[in-house]
């Protein structure tokens, strides 16, 4: 018979809300973006055989494709791990290994989304376009970026004692989505961000089809 632990201890010693994590809703995006695992390879072939981005635009395009491809893969790996987590996790019997595997993949997805946004904003500024988001606007993109910042600066924040004792990790899972001390992002909102990035990558892979090519 499996050992049952006090739920308050589970949440305190492992991750906030772990004992109550029991629901998950994030769509599979693979059917909508079937070329996602081939964006970089397609881009290489397209630029060998056709027009190319020039100078810094080539760097921006290639690196956006790279980050989009990794974020897409991370999202789907995290999705499958989280589905598995929901089937295993119980209030007093936490699925510890699966939980932290899932969190790791969600973290990687968010960090790659953040890098994609940084690159996209550089290109947008050069082209005179508006940025992906404005600081503090509360949009899903802004909150995703802020959560990624929390992950990136976690070591310094812990050393400076900017987090309470129960906030054991930078981002944790709640039934609604991903949470930090200051922000929350639903799984559906993150799915929409990854889908938007994927749509851009579908165009970026072929310079001839991308309206903003230079």
Protein backbone atom coordinates (compact mmCIF):
# COMPACT_ATOMS: atom_id res chain seq x y z
CA UNK A 1 0.00 0.00 0.00
CA UNK A 2 1.42 3.42 -0.98
CA UNK A 3 2.31 5.87 1.77
CA UNK A 4 -0.02 8.85 2.08
CA UNK A 5 1.54 12.17 3.11
CA UNK A 6 0.07 15.26 4.72
CA UNK A 7 -0.99 17.57 1.88
CA UNK A 8 0.30 20.68 3.64
CA UNK A 9 3.76 19.09 3.80
CA UNK A 10 3.56 18.08 0.14
CA UNK A 11 2.88 21.70 -0.84
CA UNK A 12 5.45 23.15 1.58
CA UNK A 13 8.35 20.78 0.88
CA UNK A 14 7.85 20.18 -2.87
CA UNK A 15 5.82 22.81 -4.74
CA UNK A 16 2.89 25.13 -4.04
CA UNK A 17 -0.44 23.49 -4.84
CA UNK A 18 1.08 20.17 -5.91
CA UNK A 19 -1.32 18.18 -3.74
CA UNK A 20 -4.32 19.76 -5.47
CA UNK A 21 -3.14 19.57 -9.07
CA UNK A 22 -5.75 17.44 -10.83
CA UNK A 23 -6.87 19.11 -14.10
CA UNK A 24 -5.22 20.15 -17.34
CA UNK A 25 -6.35 21.59 -20.67
CA UNK A 26 -3.87 22.46 -23.39
CA UNK A 27 -4.49 21.64 -27.06
CA UNK A 28 -2.27 19.62 -29.36
CA UNK A 29 -0.96 22.01 -32.03
CA UNK A 30 0.77 19.45 -34.26
CA UNK A 31 -2.04 19.03 -36.78
CA UNK A 32 -2.24 22.80 -37.34
CA UNK A 33 1.54 23.18 -37.77
CA UNK A 34 2.76 19.93 -39.38
CA UNK A 35 6.06 21.49 -40.50
CA UNK A 36 7.11 22.47 -36.97
CA UNK A 37 9.80 19.81 -36.68
CA UNK A 38 11.18 20.81 -40.10
CA UNK A 39 11.26 24.62 -39.94
CA UNK A 40 15.05 24.89 -39.77
CA UNK A 41 15.68 22.21 -42.38
CA UNK A 42 13.05 23.73 -44.68
CA UNK A 43 14.59 27.16 -44.25
CA UNK A 44 18.00 25.83 -45.25
CA UNK A 45 16.64 24.18 -48.39
CA UNK A 46 14.53 27.20 -49.29
CA UNK A 47 17.49 29.56 -49.01
CA UNK A 48 19.77 27.24 -50.97
CA UNK A 49 17.28 27.13 -53.83
CA UNK A 50 15.71 30.59 -53.62
CA UNK A 51 15.95 34.10 -52.14
CA UNK A 52 17.63 34.72 -48.79
CA UNK A 53 17.27 37.12 -45.91
CA UNK A 54 20.14 39.60 -45.84
CA UNK A 55 22.66 40.37 -43.10
CA UNK A 56 21.10 40.75 -39.63
CA UNK A 57 17.68 39.73 -40.94
CA UNK A 58 19.11 36.33 -41.77
CA UNK A 59 20.37 36.01 -38.18
CA UNK A 60 17.05 37.14 -36.75
CA UNK A 61 15.04 34.80 -38.99
CA UNK A 62 17.24 31.76 -38.35
CA UNK A 63 17.25 32.25 -34.60
CA UNK A 64 13.48 32.86 -34.46
CA UNK A 65 13.00 29.58 -36.32
CA UNK A 66 15.34 27.83 -33.91
CA UNK A 67 13.55 29.15 -30.82
CA UNK A 68 10.11 28.49 -32.32
CA UNK A 69 11.05 24.89 -33.10
CA UNK A 70 12.40 24.29 -29.58
CA UNK A 71 9.43 26.02 -27.90
CA UNK A 72 7.01 23.95 -29.98
CA UNK A 73 8.76 20.72 -29.00
CA UNK A 74 8.98 21.74 -25.34
CA UNK A 75 5.28 22.63 -25.29
CA UNK A 76 4.23 19.21 -26.58
CA UNK A 77 6.63 17.28 -24.37
CA UNK A 78 5.34 19.28 -21.38
CA UNK A 79 1.76 18.64 -22.48
CA UNK A 80 2.24 14.85 -22.56
CA UNK A 81 4.05 14.86 -19.22
CA UNK A 82 1.27 16.93 -17.65
CA UNK A 83 -1.43 14.61 -18.98
CA UNK A 84 0.53 11.77 -17.39
CA UNK A 85 0.86 13.79 -14.18
CA UNK A 86 -2.90 14.29 -13.88
CA UNK A 87 -3.44 10.53 -14.18
CA UNK A 88 -0.88 9.78 -11.44
CA UNK A 89 -1.03 12.66 -8.95
CA UNK A 90 -3.08 12.24 -5.76
CA UNK A 91 -3.49 14.73 -2.87
CA UNK A 92 -1.38 12.73 -0.41
CA UNK A 93 0.56 10.74 -2.99
CA UNK A 94 2.37 13.23 -5.24
CA UNK A 95 3.81 12.09 -8.57
CA UNK A 96 7.09 13.84 -7.78
CA UNK A 97 9.24 12.67 -10.68
CA UNK A 98 6.61 13.35 -13.33
CA UNK A 99 5.75 16.73 -11.80
CA UNK A 100 9.29 18.08 -11.97
CA UNK A 101 9.86 16.65 -15.44
CA UNK A 102 6.77 18.53 -16.59
CA UNK A 103 7.78 21.77 -14.86
CA UNK A 104 11.22 21.57 -16.47
CA UNK A 105 9.71 21.34 -19.94
CA UNK A 106 7.25 24.19 -19.28
CA UNK A 107 10.17 26.31 -18.07
CA UNK A 108 12.16 25.57 -21.22
CA UNK A 109 9.15 26.42 -23.38
CA UNK A 110 8.72 29.78 -21.66
CA UNK A 111 12.41 30.66 -21.90
CA UNK A 112 12.46 29.91 -25.62
CA UNK A 113 9.27 31.93 -26.10
CA UNK A 114 11.00 34.82 -24.33
CA UNK A 115 14.05 34.63 -26.61
CA UNK A 116 11.75 34.48 -29.64
CA UNK A 117 9.98 37.64 -28.46
CA UNK A 118 13.32 39.41 -27.95
CA UNK A 119 14.37 38.57 -31.49
CA UNK A 120 10.98 39.47 -32.94
CA UNK A 121 11.06 42.84 -31.18
CA UNK A 122 14.50 43.60 -32.63
CA UNK A 123 13.17 42.94 -36.10
CA UNK A 124 9.95 44.86 -35.45
CA UNK A 125 11.89 47.89 -34.22
CA UNK A 126 14.02 47.86 -37.34
CA UNK A 127 10.90 47.70 -39.50
CA UNK A 128 9.08 50.39 -37.53
CA UNK A 129 6.45 47.98 -36.17
CA UNK A 130 4.94 47.87 -32.68
CA UNK A 131 6.56 45.49 -30.16
CA UNK A 132 4.94 42.19 -29.23
CA UNK A 133 3.73 43.77 -25.98
CA UNK A 134 4.14 46.93 -23.93
CA UNK A 135 5.62 46.73 -20.43
CA UNK A 136 2.94 46.07 -17.83
CA UNK A 137 0.07 45.75 -20.30
CA UNK A 138 -1.08 42.49 -18.70
CA UNK A 139 -1.32 40.65 -22.02
CA UNK A 140 -0.55 36.91 -22.20
CA UNK A 141 2.72 37.71 -24.02
CA UNK A 142 3.76 40.15 -21.29
CA UNK A 143 2.93 37.67 -18.52
CA UNK A 144 4.72 34.82 -20.30
CA UNK A 145 7.78 37.05 -20.64
CA UNK A 146 7.61 38.03 -16.95
CA UNK A 147 7.35 34.38 -15.88
CA UNK A 148 10.41 33.59 -18.00
CA UNK A 149 12.25 36.42 -16.23
CA UNK A 150 11.33 34.88 -12.88
CA UNK A 151 12.84 31.57 -14.01
CA UNK A 152 15.97 33.27 -15.35
CA UNK A 153 16.65 35.27 -12.18
CA UNK A 154 15.56 32.64 -9.65
CA UNK A 155 19.00 32.07 -8.13
CA UNK A 156 19.56 35.74 -7.40
CA UNK A 157 16.01 36.15 -6.07
CA UNK A 158 16.40 33.25 -3.63
CA UNK A 159 19.77 34.58 -2.46
CA UNK A 160 18.19 37.98 -1.86
CA UNK A 161 15.28 36.36 0.04
CA UNK A 162 12.66 37.84 -2.26
CA UNK A 163 10.45 34.74 -2.01
CA UNK A 164 8.55 33.13 0.84
CA UNK A 165 9.53 29.72 2.20
CA UNK A 166 6.71 27.84 0.45
CA UNK A 167 7.69 29.27 -2.95
CA UNK A 168 10.18 26.50 -3.53
CA UNK A 169 10.47 26.81 -7.33
CA UNK A 170 10.14 29.78 -9.70
CA UNK A 171 7.05 28.51 -11.54
CA UNK A 172 4.56 25.89 -10.44
CA UNK A 173 1.47 24.22 -11.86
CA UNK A 174 -2.08 25.06 -10.87
CA UNK A 175 -5.20 23.64 -12.47
CA UNK A 176 -5.65 26.88 -14.41
CA UNK A 177 -2.09 27.01 -15.74
CA UNK A 178 1.37 28.21 -14.73
CA UNK A 179 1.90 30.41 -11.68
CA UNK A 180 4.64 32.44 -9.99
CA UNK A 181 4.63 34.76 -7.02
CA UNK A 182 3.38 37.64 -9.16
CA UNK A 183 1.88 36.22 -12.38
CA UNK A 184 -0.34 33.50 -13.76
CA UNK A 185 -0.70 32.24 -17.33
CA UNK A 186 -3.30 29.70 -18.37
CA UNK A 187 -2.29 26.68 -20.41
CA UNK A 188 -4.66 27.84 -23.15
CA UNK A 189 -3.01 31.29 -23.21
CA UNK A 190 0.43 29.71 -23.58
CA UNK A 191 -0.93 27.46 -26.32
CA UNK A 192 -2.13 30.54 -28.21
CA UNK A 193 1.30 32.16 -27.87
CA UNK A 194 3.04 29.05 -29.17
CA UNK A 195 0.50 28.88 -32.00
CA UNK A 196 1.16 32.53 -32.94
CA UNK A 197 4.90 31.90 -32.92
CA UNK A 198 4.34 28.81 -35.03
CA UNK A 199 2.36 30.78 -37.61
CA UNK A 200 5.25 33.24 -37.88
CA UNK A 201 7.71 30.36 -38.23
CA UNK A 202 5.58 28.81 -40.98
CA UNK A 203 6.15 32.03 -42.96
CA UNK A 204 9.74 32.65 -41.88
CA UNK A 205 10.92 29.26 -43.13
CA UNK A 206 10.56 30.55 -46.70
CA UNK A 207 11.90 34.08 -47.34
CA UNK A 208 9.81 34.32 -50.49
CA UNK A 209 6.56 33.97 -48.52
CA UNK A 210 7.46 36.24 -45.62
CA UNK A 211 6.02 39.71 -46.08
CA UNK A 212 8.63 41.36 -43.89
CA UNK A 213 11.69 39.95 -45.66
CA UNK A 214 14.70 42.22 -46.20
